[in-house]
Amino acid sequence: MNSLPKKLKILGYTYNILYFKNMLEVDPDGKEEFWGHVSQLTKQIRIYDNGDYFTMWHSLWHEVGHVITTLFHLDDSEVEEDNNEKLMSLKAKYIEKMVDAFALCIVNVCFDNKLEFNKK
């Protein structure tokens, strides 16, 4: 896991991965500091490059988790038959925590077992 990918194929879609030294540059609008960001429209994943591979892999897997939840419509903003904003907010927070836990576990397993990814 010594190098980070520039592209990832996720469920049939190819995502370009860009790395930025400034957290504000990770946000396409340049308004907020982000560790990572994914655009389904442009098929682009943006990651903050702080020089720490573990953190960067965590951010990358976190964004991959968002790709997966979006492709499977797990993060739809609609709450079944109820547009209650509080419920929508709770669902969004739950999904964010679930995606982050998934990402951290994947990275931890990879690093603890010194797994190497295919280098092309």
PDB file of N, CA and C in Angstrom:
ATOM      1  N   MET A   1       0.834  -1.195   0.000  1.00  0.00           N
ATOM      2  CA  MET A   1       0.000   0.000   0.000  1.00  0.00           C
ATOM      3  C   MET A   1       0.872   1.250   0.000  1.00  0.00           C
ATOM      4  N   ASN A   2       1.977   1.173  -0.719  1.00  0.00           N
ATOM      5  CA  ASN A   2       2.903   2.295  -0.732  1.00  0.00           C
ATOM      6  C   ASN A   2       2.503   3.404  -1.685  1.00  0.00           C
ATOM      7  N   SER A   3       1.637   3.109  -2.635  1.00  0.00           N
ATOM      8  CA  SER A   3       1.229   4.163  -3.560  1.00  0.00           C
ATOM      9  C   SER A   3      -0.293   4.235  -3.594  1.00  0.00           C
ATOM     10  N   LEU A   4      -0.772   5.408  -3.826  1.00  0.00           N
ATOM     11  CA  LEU A   4      -2.214   5.639  -3.900  1.00  0.00           C
ATOM     12  C   LEU A   4      -2.642   5.697  -5.361  1.00  0.00           C
ATOM     13  N   PRO A   5      -3.809   5.151  -5.672  1.00  0.00           N
ATOM     14  CA  PRO A   5      -4.240   5.084  -7.071  1.00  0.00           C
ATOM     15  C   PRO A   5      -4.646   6.437  -7.640  1.00  0.00           C
ATOM     16  N   LYS A   6      -4.519   6.554  -8.943  1.00  0.00           N
ATOM     17  CA  LYS A   6      -4.977   7.752  -9.655  1.00  0.00           C
ATOM     18  C   LYS A   6      -6.357   7.522 -10.270  1.00  0.00           C
ATOM     19  N   LYS A   7      -6.760   6.236 -10.348  1.00  0.00           N
ATOM     20  CA  LYS A   7      -8.080   5.858 -10.864  1.00  0.00           C
ATOM     21  C   LYS A   7      -8.550   4.627 -10.106  1.00  0.00           C
ATOM     22  N   LEU A   8      -9.852   4.512  -9.940  1.00  0.00           N
ATOM     23  CA  LEU A   8     -10.459   3.312  -9.373  1.00  0.00           C
ATOM     24  C   LEU A   8     -11.700   2.967 -10.177  1.00  0.00           C
ATOM     25  N   LYS A   9     -11.853   1.687 -10.468  1.00  0.00           N
ATOM     26  CA  LYS A   9     -13.075   1.220 -11.097  1.00  0.00           C
ATOM     27  C   LYS A   9     -13.969   0.700  -9.966  1.00  0.00           C
ATOM     28  N   ILE A  10     -15.144   1.292  -9.840  1.00  0.00           N
ATOM     29  CA  ILE A  10     -16.071   0.951  -8.765  1.00  0.00           C
ATOM     30  C   ILE A  10     -17.409   0.581  -9.387  1.00  0.00           C
ATOM     31  N   LEU A  11     -17.761  -0.688  -9.291  1.00  0.00           N
ATOM     32  CA  LEU A  11     -19.035  -1.196  -9.813  1.00  0.00           C
ATOM     33  C   LEU A  11     -19.279  -0.766 -11.259  1.00  0.00           C
ATOM     34  N   GLY A  12     -18.223  -0.848 -12.067  1.00  0.00           N
ATOM     35  CA  GLY A  12     -18.351  -0.570 -13.488  1.00  0.00           C
ATOM     36  C   GLY A  12     -18.085   0.863 -13.903  1.00  0.00           C
ATOM     37  N   TYR A  13     -17.910   1.759 -12.951  1.00  0.00           N
ATOM     38  CA  TYR A  13     -17.635   3.167 -13.253  1.00  0.00           C
ATOM     39  C   TYR A  13     -16.190   3.486 -12.886  1.00  0.00           C
ATOM     40  N   THR A  14     -15.515   4.243 -13.740  1.00  0.00           N
ATOM     41  CA  THR A  14     -14.145   4.646 -13.452  1.00  0.00           C
ATOM     42  C   THR A  14     -14.141   6.039 -12.845  1.00  0.00           C
ATOM     43  N   TYR A  15     -13.513   6.145 -11.677  1.00  0.00           N
ATOM     44  CA  TYR A  15     -13.395   7.419 -10.965  1.00  0.00           C
ATOM     45  C   TYR A  15     -11.949   7.872 -11.008  1.00  0.00           C
ATOM     46  N   ASN A  16     -11.717   9.105 -11.439  1.00  0.00           N
ATOM     47  CA  ASN A  16     -10.396   9.717 -11.375  1.00  0.00           C
ATOM     48  C   ASN A  16     -10.184  10.199  -9.950  1.00  0.00           C
ATOM     49  N   ILE A  17      -8.976  10.014  -9.440  1.00  0.00           N
ATOM     50  CA  ILE A  17      -8.683  10.422  -8.068  1.00  0.00           C
ATOM     51  C   ILE A  17      -7.624  11.516  -8.102  1.00  0.00           C
ATOM     52  N   LEU A  18      -7.958  12.616  -7.470  1.00  0.00           N
ATOM     53  CA  LEU A  18      -7.064  13.766  -7.411  1.00  0.00           C
ATOM     54  C   LEU A  18      -6.658  13.999  -5.957  1.00  0.00           C
ATOM     55  N   TYR A  19      -5.418  14.402  -5.748  1.00  0.00           N
ATOM     56  CA  TYR A  19      -4.891  14.642  -4.411  1.00  0.00           C
ATOM     57  C   TYR A  19      -4.495  16.108  -4.283  1.00  0.00           C
ATOM     58  N   PHE A  20      -4.830  16.697  -3.137  1.00  0.00           N
ATOM     59  CA  PHE A  20      -4.596  18.120  -2.920  1.00  0.00           C
ATOM     60  C   PHE A  20      -3.891  18.338  -1.584  1.00  0.00           C
ATOM     61  N   LYS A  21      -2.939  19.248  -1.572  1.00  0.00           N
ATOM     62  CA  LYS A  21      -2.196  19.584  -0.350  1.00  0.00           C
ATOM     63  C   LYS A  21      -2.973  20.566   0.535  1.00  0.00           C
ATOM     64  N   ASN A  22      -3.988  21.195  -0.023  1.00  0.00           N
ATOM     65  CA  ASN A  22      -4.797  22.173   0.713  1.00  0.00           C
ATOM     66  C   ASN A  22      -6.218  21.626   0.858  1.00  0.00           C
ATOM     67  N   MET A  23      -6.718  21.564   2.105  1.00  0.00           N
ATOM     68  CA  MET A  23      -8.052  21.012   2.353  1.00  0.00           C
ATOM     69  C   MET A  23      -9.157  21.785   1.631  1.00  0.00           C
ATOM     70  N   LEU A  24      -8.992  23.080   1.462  1.00  0.00           N
ATOM     71  CA  LEU A  24     -10.006  23.873   0.764  1.00  0.00           C
ATOM     72  C   LEU A  24     -10.107  23.477  -0.703  1.00  0.00           C
ATOM     73  N   GLU A  25      -9.005  23.015  -1.282  1.00  0.00           N
ATOM     74  CA  GLU A  25      -9.021  22.588  -2.685  1.00  0.00           C
ATOM     75  C   GLU A  25      -9.774  21.277  -2.883  1.00  0.00           C
ATOM     76  N   VAL A  26      -9.938  20.497  -1.820  1.00  0.00           N
ATOM     77  CA  VAL A  26     -10.685  19.242  -1.912  1.00  0.00           C
ATOM     78  C   VAL A  26     -12.159  19.538  -2.183  1.00  0.00           C
ATOM     79  N   ASP A  27     -12.658  20.615  -1.605  1.00  0.00           N
ATOM     80  CA  ASP A  27     -14.029  21.078  -1.863  1.00  0.00           C
ATOM     81  C   ASP A  27     -14.049  21.729  -3.247  1.00  0.00           C
ATOM     82  N   PRO A  28     -14.839  21.177  -4.180  1.00  0.00           N
ATOM     83  CA  PRO A  28     -14.884  21.770  -5.524  1.00  0.00           C
ATOM     84  C   PRO A  28     -15.273  23.248  -5.526  1.00  0.00           C
ATOM     85  N   ASP A  29     -16.010  23.667  -4.503  1.00  0.00           N
ATOM     86  CA  ASP A  29     -16.406  25.073  -4.402  1.00  0.00           C
ATOM     87  C   ASP A  29     -15.380  25.908  -3.632  1.00  0.00           C
ATOM     88  N   GLY A  30     -14.414  25.244  -3.009  1.00  0.00           N
ATOM     89  CA  GLY A  30     -13.362  25.945  -2.278  1.00  0.00           C
ATOM     90  C   GLY A  30     -13.835  26.684  -1.043  1.00  0.00           C
ATOM     91  N   LYS A  31     -14.956  26.267  -0.458  1.00  0.00           N
ATOM     92  CA  LYS A  31     -15.530  26.982   0.684  1.00  0.00           C
ATOM     93  C   LYS A  31     -15.288  26.302   2.025  1.00  0.00           C
ATOM     94  N   GLU A  32     -15.164  24.956   2.009  1.00  0.00           N
ATOM     95  CA  GLU A  32     -15.018  24.207   3.252  1.00  0.00           C
ATOM     96  C   GLU A  32     -13.778  23.324   3.189  1.00  0.00           C
ATOM     97  N   GLU A  33     -13.228  23.031   4.357  1.00  0.00           N
ATOM     98  CA  GLU A  33     -12.090  22.120   4.426  1.00  0.00           C
ATOM     99  C   GLU A  33     -12.615  20.696   4.489  1.00  0.00           C
ATOM    100  N   PHE A  34     -12.249  19.882   3.516  1.00  0.00           N
ATOM    101  CA  PHE A  34     -12.672  18.491   3.442  1.00  0.00           C
ATOM    102  C   PHE A  34     -11.464  17.571   3.441  1.00  0.00           C
ATOM    103  N   TRP A  35     -11.623  16.386   4.042  1.00  0.00           N
ATOM    104  CA  TRP A  35     -10.630  15.324   3.936  1.00  0.00           C
ATOM    105  C   TRP A  35     -10.785  14.619   2.605  1.00  0.00           C
ATOM    106  N   GLY A  36     -12.036  14.527   2.133  1.00  0.00           N
ATOM    107  CA  GLY A  36     -12.322  13.881   0.865  1.00  0.00           C
ATOM    108  C   GLY A  36     -13.656  14.343   0.327  1.00  0.00           C
ATOM    109  N   HIS A  37     -13.836  14.161  -0.972  1.00  0.00           N
ATOM    110  CA  HIS A  37     -15.083  14.550  -1.630  1.00  0.00           C
ATOM    111  C   HIS A  37     -15.253  13.699  -2.873  1.00  0.00           C
ATOM    112  N   VAL A  38     -16.497  13.305  -3.149  1.00  0.00           N
ATOM    113  CA  VAL A  38     -16.762  12.540  -4.367  1.00  0.00           C
ATOM    114  C   VAL A  38     -17.855  13.241  -5.162  1.00  0.00           C
ATOM    115  N   SER A  39     -17.675  13.258  -6.477  1.00  0.00           N
ATOM    116  CA  SER A  39     -18.700  13.776  -7.374  1.00  0.00           C
ATOM    117  C   SER A  39     -19.166  12.622  -8.260  1.00  0.00           C
ATOM    118  N   GLN A  40     -20.437  12.272  -8.121  1.00  0.00           N
ATOM    119  CA  GLN A  40     -20.997  11.217  -8.962  1.00  0.00           C
ATOM    120  C   GLN A  40     -21.116  11.719 -10.406  1.00  0.00           C
ATOM    121  N   LEU A  41     -21.355  13.000 -10.561  1.00  0.00           N
ATOM    122  CA  LEU A  41     -21.543  13.585 -11.884  1.00  0.00           C
ATOM    123  C   LEU A  41     -20.254  13.529 -12.717  1.00  0.00           C
ATOM    124  N   THR A  42     -19.148  13.959 -12.124  1.00  0.00           N
ATOM    125  CA  THR A  42     -17.878  13.996 -12.860  1.00  0.00           C
ATOM    126  C   THR A  42     -17.057  12.725 -12.676  1.00  0.00           C
ATOM    127  N   LYS A  43     -17.535  11.823 -11.819  1.00  0.00           N
ATOM    128  CA  LYS A  43     -16.805  10.579 -11.499  1.00  0.00           C
ATOM    129  C   LYS A  43     -15.390  10.925 -11.022  1.00  0.00           C
ATOM    130  N   GLN A  44     -15.350  11.803 -10.029  1.00  0.00           N
ATOM    131  CA  GLN A  44     -14.080  12.285  -9.506  1.00  0.00           C
ATOM    132  C   GLN A  44     -14.079  12.172  -7.978  1.00  0.00           C
ATOM    133  N   ILE A  45     -12.988  11.639  -7.454  1.00  0.00           N
ATOM    134  CA  ILE A  45     -12.780  11.576  -6.004  1.00  0.00           C
ATOM    135  C   ILE A  45     -11.608  12.487  -5.682  1.00  0.00           C
ATOM    136  N   ARG A  46     -11.816  13.378  -4.717  1.00  0.00           N
ATOM    137  CA  ARG A  46     -10.797  14.341  -4.331  1.00  0.00           C
ATOM    138  C   ARG A  46     -10.370  14.017  -2.891  1.00  0.00           C
ATOM    139  N   ILE A  47      -9.066  13.908  -2.670  1.00  0.00           N
ATOM    140  CA  ILE A  47      -8.527  13.505  -1.371  1.00  0.00           C
ATOM    141  C   ILE A  47      -7.497  14.529  -0.889  1.00  0.00           C
ATOM    142  N   TYR A  48      -7.556  14.833   0.413  1.00  0.00           N
ATOM    143  CA  TYR A  48      -6.567  15.708   1.030  1.00  0.00           C
ATOM    144  C   TYR A  48      -5.278  14.919   1.248  1.00  0.00           C
ATOM    145  N   ASP A  49      -4.179  15.411   0.708  1.00  0.00           N
ATOM    146  CA  ASP A  49      -2.872  14.773   0.824  1.00  0.00           C
ATOM    147  C   ASP A  49      -2.111  15.420   1.981  1.00  0.00           C
ATOM    148  N   ASN A  50      -2.223  14.795   3.153  1.00  0.00           N
ATOM    149  CA  ASN A  50      -1.500  15.311   4.314  1.00  0.00           C
ATOM    150  C   ASN A  50      -0.185  14.548   4.534  1.00  0.00           C
ATOM    151  N   GLY A  51       0.146  13.645   3.580  1.00  0.00           N
ATOM    152  CA  GLY A  51       1.397  12.901   3.662  1.00  0.00           C
ATOM    153  C   GLY A  51       1.311  11.622   4.476  1.00  0.00           C
ATOM    154  N   ASP A  52       0.203  11.388   5.176  1.00  0.00           N
ATOM    155  CA  ASP A  52       0.031  10.185   5.994  1.00  0.00           C
ATOM    156  C   ASP A  52      -0.798   9.167   5.221  1.00  0.00           C
ATOM    157  N   TYR A  53      -0.144   8.086   4.770  1.00  0.00           N
ATOM    158  CA  TYR A  53      -0.834   7.114   3.915  1.00  0.00           C
ATOM    159  C   TYR A  53      -2.056   6.502   4.574  1.00  0.00           C
ATOM    160  N   PHE A  54      -1.960   6.179   5.863  1.00  0.00           N
ATOM    161  CA  PHE A  54      -3.112   5.576   6.545  1.00  0.00           C
ATOM    162  C   PHE A  54      -4.323   6.506   6.463  1.00  0.00           C
ATOM    163  N   THR A  55      -4.125   7.770   6.769  1.00  0.00           N
ATOM    164  CA  THR A  55      -5.224   8.750   6.736  1.00  0.00           C
ATOM    165  C   THR A  55      -5.750   8.934   5.318  1.00  0.00           C
ATOM    166  N   MET A  56      -4.846   8.964   4.354  1.00  0.00           N
ATOM    167  CA  MET A  56      -5.280   9.156   2.966  1.00  0.00           C
ATOM    168  C   MET A  56      -6.056   7.943   2.464  1.00  0.00           C
ATOM    169  N   TRP A  57      -5.589   6.721   2.810  1.00  0.00           N
ATOM    170  CA  TRP A  57      -6.342   5.523   2.429  1.00  0.00           C
ATOM    171  C   TRP A  57      -7.701   5.510   3.118  1.00  0.00           C
ATOM    172  N   HIS A  58      -7.742   5.928   4.379  1.00  0.00           N
ATOM    173  CA  HIS A  58      -9.016   6.009   5.101  1.00  0.00           C
ATOM    174  C   HIS A  58      -9.966   6.954   4.369  1.00  0.00           C
ATOM    175  N   SER A  59      -9.474   8.112   3.989  1.00  0.00           N
ATOM    176  CA  SER A  59     -10.307   9.075   3.257  1.00  0.00           C
ATOM    177  C   SER A  59     -10.770   8.504   1.924  1.00  0.00           C
ATOM    178  N   LEU A  60      -9.871   7.826   1.224  1.00  0.00           N
ATOM    179  CA  LEU A  60     -10.227   7.247  -0.070  1.00  0.00           C
ATOM    180  C   LEU A  60     -11.314   6.184   0.088  1.00  0.00           C
ATOM    181  N   TRP A  61     -11.133   5.261   1.038  1.00  0.00           N
ATOM    182  CA  TRP A  61     -12.157   4.229   1.257  1.00  0.00           C
ATOM    183  C   TRP A  61     -13.472   4.845   1.740  1.00  0.00           C
ATOM    184  N   HIS A  62     -13.383   5.918   2.498  1.00  0.00           N
ATOM    185  CA  HIS A  62     -14.595   6.621   2.937  1.00  0.00           C
ATOM    186  C   HIS A  62     -15.380   7.109   1.713  1.00  0.00           C
ATOM    187  N   GLU A  63     -14.681   7.721   0.772  1.00  0.00           N
ATOM    188  CA  GLU A  63     -15.349   8.214  -0.434  1.00  0.00           C
ATOM    189  C   GLU A  63     -15.866   7.061  -1.297  1.00  0.00           C
ATOM    190  N   VAL A  64     -15.133   5.960  -1.355  1.00  0.00           N
ATOM    191  CA  VAL A  64     -15.621   4.768  -2.067  1.00  0.00           C
ATOM    192  C   VAL A  64     -16.921   4.296  -1.420  1.00  0.00           C
ATOM    193  N   GLY A  65     -16.985   4.342  -0.098  1.00  0.00           N
ATOM    194  CA  GLY A  65     -18.221   3.990   0.603  1.00  0.00           C
ATOM    195  C   GLY A  65     -19.384   4.859   0.173  1.00  0.00           C
ATOM    196  N   HIS A  66     -19.122   6.156  -0.019  1.00  0.00           N
ATOM    197  CA  HIS A  66     -20.185   7.055  -0.509  1.00  0.00           C
ATOM    198  C   HIS A  66     -20.603   6.696  -1.930  1.00  0.00           C
ATOM    199  N   VAL A  67     -19.647   6.311  -2.756  1.00  0.00           N
ATOM    200  CA  VAL A  67     -19.989   5.880  -4.121  1.00  0.00           C
ATOM    201  C   VAL A  67     -20.933   4.682  -4.047  1.00  0.00           C
ATOM    202  N   ILE A  68     -20.584   3.704  -3.228  1.00  0.00           N
ATOM    203  CA  ILE A  68     -21.389   2.487  -3.109  1.00  0.00           C
ATOM    204  C   ILE A  68     -22.776   2.789  -2.565  1.00  0.00           C
ATOM    205  N   THR A  69     -22.857   3.588  -1.500  1.00  0.00           N
ATOM    206  CA  THR A  69     -24.182   3.887  -0.937  1.00  0.00           C
ATOM    207  C   THR A  69     -25.043   4.665  -1.924  1.00  0.00           C
ATOM    208  N   THR A  70     -24.424   5.491  -2.742  1.00  0.00           N
ATOM    209  CA  THR A  70     -25.176   6.240  -3.752  1.00  0.00           C
ATOM    210  C   THR A  70     -25.651   5.323  -4.874  1.00  0.00           C
ATOM    211  N   LEU A  71     -24.751   4.468  -5.357  1.00  0.00           N
ATOM    212  CA  LEU A  71     -25.120   3.582  -6.458  1.00  0.00           C
ATOM    213  C   LEU A  71     -26.227   2.602  -6.065  1.00  0.00           C
ATOM    214  N   PHE A  72     -26.264   2.229  -4.798  1.00  0.00           N
ATOM    215  CA  PHE A  72     -27.320   1.339  -4.320  1.00  0.00           C
ATOM    216  C   PHE A  72     -28.491   2.107  -3.701  1.00  0.00           C
ATOM    217  N   HIS A  73     -28.479   3.427  -3.867  1.00  0.00           N
ATOM    218  CA  HIS A  73     -29.553   4.301  -3.385  1.00  0.00           C
ATOM    219  C   HIS A  73     -29.773   4.177  -1.878  1.00  0.00           C
ATOM    220  N   LEU A  74     -28.708   3.909  -1.141  1.00  0.00           N
ATOM    221  CA  LEU A  74     -28.817   3.809   0.313  1.00  0.00           C
ATOM    222  C   LEU A  74     -28.796   5.172   0.976  1.00  0.00           C
ATOM    223  N   ASP A  75     -28.377   6.193   0.241  1.00  0.00           N
ATOM    224  CA  ASP A  75     -28.294   7.524   0.830  1.00  0.00           C
ATOM    225  C   ASP A  75     -29.342   8.484   0.276  1.00  0.00           C
ATOM    226  N   ASP A  76     -30.393   7.925  -0.340  1.00  0.00           N
ATOM    227  CA  ASP A  76     -31.458   8.793  -0.843  1.00  0.00           C
ATOM    228  C   ASP A  76     -31.977   9.672   0.282  1.00  0.00           C
ATOM    229  N   SER A  77     -32.224  10.919  -0.022  1.00  0.00           N
ATOM    230  CA  SER A  77     -32.652  11.850   1.011  1.00  0.00           C
ATOM    231  C   SER A  77     -34.103  11.646   1.432  1.00  0.00           C
ATOM    232  N   GLU A  78     -34.828  10.860   0.658  1.00  0.00           N
ATOM    233  CA  GLU A  78     -36.233  10.644   1.001  1.00  0.00           C
ATOM    234  C   GLU A  78     -36.359   9.670   2.162  1.00  0.00           C
ATOM    235  N   VAL A  79     -37.178  10.007   3.110  1.00  0.00           N
ATOM    236  CA  VAL A  79     -37.537   9.108   4.191  1.00  0.00           C
ATOM    237  C   VAL A  79     -38.915   8.585   3.826  1.00  0.00           C
ATOM    238  N   GLU A  80     -39.088   7.271   3.858  1.00  0.00           N
ATOM    239  CA  GLU A  80     -40.312   6.650   3.378  1.00  0.00           C
ATOM    240  C   GLU A  80     -41.566   7.391   3.858  1.00  0.00           C
ATOM    241  N   GLU A  81     -42.294   7.906   2.900  1.00  0.00           N
ATOM    242  CA  GLU A  81     -43.582   8.554   3.116  1.00  0.00           C
ATOM    243  C   GLU A  81     -43.557   9.648   4.177  1.00  0.00           C
ATOM    244  N   ASP A  82     -42.382  10.227   4.425  1.00  0.00           N
ATOM    245  CA  ASP A  82     -42.300  11.266   5.446  1.00  0.00           C
ATOM    246  C   ASP A  82     -41.116  12.172   5.114  1.00  0.00           C
ATOM    247  N   ASN A  83     -41.382  13.412   4.837  1.00  0.00           N
ATOM    248  CA  ASN A  83     -40.313  14.350   4.503  1.00  0.00           C
ATOM    249  C   ASN A  83     -39.864  15.138   5.718  1.00  0.00           C
ATOM    250  N   ASN A  84     -39.945  14.546   6.877  1.00  0.00           N
ATOM    251  CA  ASN A  84     -39.539  15.170   8.115  1.00  0.00           C
ATOM    252  C   ASN A  84     -38.037  15.446   8.081  1.00  0.00           C
ATOM    253  N   GLU A  85     -37.647  16.728   8.194  1.00  0.00           N
ATOM    254  CA  GLU A  85     -36.233  17.109   8.097  1.00  0.00           C
ATOM    255  C   GLU A  85     -35.382  16.476   9.191  1.00  0.00           C
ATOM    256  N   LYS A  86     -35.939  16.336  10.389  1.00  0.00           N
ATOM    257  CA  LYS A  86     -35.174  15.744  11.486  1.00  0.00           C
ATOM    258  C   LYS A  86     -34.830  14.286  11.173  1.00  0.00           C
ATOM    259  N   LEU A  87     -35.774  13.539  10.635  1.00  0.00           N
ATOM    260  CA  LEU A  87     -35.510  12.147  10.268  1.00  0.00           C
ATOM    261  C   LEU A  87     -34.482  12.066   9.148  1.00  0.00           C
ATOM    262  N   MET A  88     -34.586  12.964   8.170  1.00  0.00           N
ATOM    263  CA  MET A  88     -33.624  12.975   7.061  1.00  0.00           C
ATOM    264  C   MET A  88     -32.219  13.267   7.589  1.00  0.00           C
ATOM    265  N   SER A  89     -32.115  14.196   8.534  1.00  0.00           N
ATOM    266  CA  SER A  89     -30.828  14.550   9.108  1.00  0.00           C
ATOM    267  C   SER A  89     -30.238  13.378   9.895  1.00  0.00           C
ATOM    268  N   LEU A  90     -31.058  12.689  10.651  1.00  0.00           N
ATOM    269  CA  LEU A  90     -30.591  11.520  11.403  1.00  0.00           C
ATOM    270  C   LEU A  90     -30.116  10.422  10.463  1.00  0.00           C
ATOM    271  N   LYS A  91     -30.842  10.211   9.370  1.00  0.00           N
ATOM    272  CA  LYS A  91     -30.455   9.192   8.391  1.00  0.00           C
ATOM    273  C   LYS A  91     -29.110   9.559   7.760  1.00  0.00           C
ATOM    274  N   ALA A  92     -28.910  10.819   7.409  1.00  0.00           N
ATOM    275  CA  ALA A  92     -27.649  11.263   6.805  1.00  0.00           C
ATOM    276  C   ALA A  92     -26.486  11.064   7.775  1.00  0.00           C
ATOM    277  N   LYS A  93     -26.697  11.380   9.052  1.00  0.00           N
ATOM    278  CA  LYS A  93     -25.641  11.199  10.052  1.00  0.00           C
ATOM    279  C   LYS A  93     -25.318   9.715  10.234  1.00  0.00           C
ATOM    280  N   TYR A  94     -26.340   8.871  10.235  1.00  0.00           N
ATOM    281  CA  TYR A  94     -26.132   7.433  10.373  1.00  0.00           C
ATOM    282  C   TYR A  94     -25.317   6.888   9.197  1.00  0.00           C
ATOM    283  N   ILE A  95     -25.683   7.298   7.997  1.00  0.00           N
ATOM    284  CA  ILE A  95     -24.959   6.829   6.806  1.00  0.00           C
ATOM    285  C   ILE A  95     -23.513   7.295   6.846  1.00  0.00           C
ATOM    286  N   GLU A  96     -23.274   8.529   7.258  1.00  0.00           N
ATOM    287  CA  GLU A  96     -21.912   9.054   7.344  1.00  0.00           C
ATOM    288  C   GLU A  96     -21.079   8.219   8.327  1.00  0.00           C
ATOM    289  N   LYS A  97     -21.659   7.887   9.482  1.00  0.00           N
ATOM    290  CA  LYS A  97     -20.946   7.073  10.471  1.00  0.00           C
ATOM    291  C   LYS A  97     -20.696   5.658   9.940  1.00  0.00           C
ATOM    292  N   MET A  98     -21.688   5.086   9.268  1.00  0.00           N
ATOM    293  CA  MET A  98     -21.552   3.744   8.714  1.00  0.00           C
ATOM    294  C   MET A  98     -20.441   3.710   7.662  1.00  0.00           C
ATOM    295  N   VAL A  99     -20.425   4.692   6.775  1.00  0.00           N
ATOM    296  CA  VAL A  99     -19.413   4.768   5.721  1.00  0.00           C
ATOM    297  C   VAL A  99     -18.027   4.938   6.342  1.00  0.00           C
ATOM    298  N   ASP A 100     -17.910   5.772   7.361  1.00  0.00           N
ATOM    299  CA  ASP A 100     -16.613   6.000   7.981  1.00  0.00           C
ATOM    300  C   ASP A 100     -16.118   4.750   8.711  1.00  0.00           C
ATOM    301  N   ALA A 101     -17.009   4.040   9.393  1.00  0.00           N
ATOM    302  CA  ALA A 101     -16.621   2.810  10.079  1.00  0.00           C
ATOM    303  C   ALA A 101     -16.143   1.771   9.057  1.00  0.00           C
ATOM    304  N   PHE A 102     -16.864   1.641   7.965  1.00  0.00           N
ATOM    305  CA  PHE A 102     -16.491   0.729   6.886  1.00  0.00           C
ATOM    306  C   PHE A 102     -15.088   1.068   6.375  1.00  0.00           C
ATOM    307  N   ALA A 103     -14.850   2.333   6.100  1.00  0.00           N
ATOM    308  CA  ALA A 103     -13.567   2.768   5.552  1.00  0.00           C
ATOM    309  C   ALA A 103     -12.429   2.483   6.521  1.00  0.00           C
ATOM    310  N   LEU A 104     -12.612   2.809   7.777  1.00  0.00           N
ATOM    311  CA  LEU A 104     -11.563   2.608   8.774  1.00  0.00           C
ATOM    312  C   LEU A 104     -11.241   1.120   8.938  1.00  0.00           C
ATOM    313  N   CYS A 105     -12.259   0.281   8.943  1.00  0.00           N
ATOM    314  CA  CYS A 105     -12.045  -1.167   9.068  1.00  0.00           C
ATOM    315  C   CYS A 105     -11.270  -1.723   7.870  1.00  0.00           C
ATOM    316  N   ILE A 106     -11.645  -1.317   6.668  1.00  0.00           N
ATOM    317  CA  ILE A 106     -10.945  -1.790   5.462  1.00  0.00           C
ATOM    318  C   ILE A 106      -9.474  -1.385   5.507  1.00  0.00           C
ATOM    319  N   VAL A 107      -9.201  -0.136   5.813  1.00  0.00           N
ATOM    320  CA  VAL A 107      -7.815   0.344   5.844  1.00  0.00           C
ATOM    321  C   VAL A 107      -7.032  -0.365   6.944  1.00  0.00           C
ATOM    322  N   ASN A 108      -7.658  -0.539   8.090  1.00  0.00           N
ATOM    323  CA  ASN A 108      -6.987  -1.203   9.199  1.00  0.00           C
ATOM    324  C   ASN A 108      -6.602  -2.635   8.827  1.00  0.00           C
ATOM    325  N   VAL A 109      -7.505  -3.390   8.225  1.00  0.00           N
ATOM    326  CA  VAL A 109      -7.216  -4.761   7.805  1.00  0.00           C
ATOM    327  C   VAL A 109      -6.076  -4.773   6.785  1.00  0.00           C
ATOM    328  N   CYS A 110      -6.128  -3.866   5.832  1.00  0.00           N
ATOM    329  CA  CYS A 110      -5.083  -3.805   4.796  1.00  0.00           C
ATOM    330  C   CYS A 110      -3.721  -3.495   5.402  1.00  0.00           C
ATOM    331  N   PHE A 111      -3.647  -2.513   6.292  1.00  0.00           N
ATOM    332  CA  PHE A 111      -2.367  -2.130   6.877  1.00  0.00           C
ATOM    333  C   PHE A 111      -1.860  -3.199   7.848  1.00  0.00           C
ATOM    334  N   ASP A 112      -2.748  -3.730   8.689  1.00  0.00           N
ATOM    335  CA  ASP A 112      -2.329  -4.739   9.664  1.00  0.00           C
ATOM    336  C   ASP A 112      -1.812  -5.999   8.990  1.00  0.00           C
ATOM    337  N   ASN A 113      -2.332  -6.308   7.808  1.00  0.00           N
ATOM    338  CA  ASN A 113      -1.921  -7.516   7.102  1.00  0.00           C
ATOM    339  C   ASN A 113      -0.961  -7.238   5.955  1.00  0.00           C
ATOM    340  N   LYS A 114      -0.505  -5.994   5.876  1.00  0.00           N
ATOM    341  CA  LYS A 114       0.457  -5.573   4.848  1.00  0.00           C
ATOM    342  C   LYS A 114       0.025  -5.984   3.448  1.00  0.00           C
ATOM    343  N   LEU A 115      -1.262  -5.798   3.176  1.00  0.00           N
ATOM    344  CA  LEU A 115      -1.809  -6.141   1.867  1.00  0.00           C
ATOM    345  C   LEU A 115      -1.337  -5.137   0.837  1.00  0.00           C
ATOM    346  N   GLU A 116      -0.947  -5.619  -0.299  1.00  0.00           N
ATOM    347  CA  GLU A 116      -0.516  -4.773  -1.407  1.00  0.00           C
ATOM    348  C   GLU A 116      -1.621  -4.714  -2.453  1.00  0.00           C
ATOM    349  N   PHE A 117      -1.802  -3.557  -3.025  1.00  0.00           N
ATOM    350  CA  PHE A 117      -2.771  -3.413  -4.090  1.00  0.00           C
ATOM    351  C   PHE A 117      -2.043  -3.524  -5.427  1.00  0.00           C
ATOM    352  N   ASN A 118      -2.758  -3.947  -6.421  1.00  0.00           N
ATOM    353  CA  ASN A 118      -2.198  -4.120  -7.756  1.00  0.00           C
ATOM    354  C   ASN A 118      -1.645  -2.793  -8.265  1.00  0.00           C
ATOM    355  N   LYS A 119      -0.363  -2.761  -8.551  1.00  0.00           N
ATOM    356  CA  LYS A 119       0.272  -1.536  -9.039  1.00  0.00           C
ATOM    357  C   LYS A 119       0.379  -1.605 -10.544  1.00  0.00           C
ATOM    358  N   LYS A 120      -0.259  -0.678 -11.219  1.00  0.00           N
ATOM    359  CA  LYS A 120      -0.225  -0.650 -12.692  1.00  0.00           C
ATOM    360  C   LYS A 120       0.522   0.573 -13.153  1.00  0.00           C
TER     361      LYS A 120
END
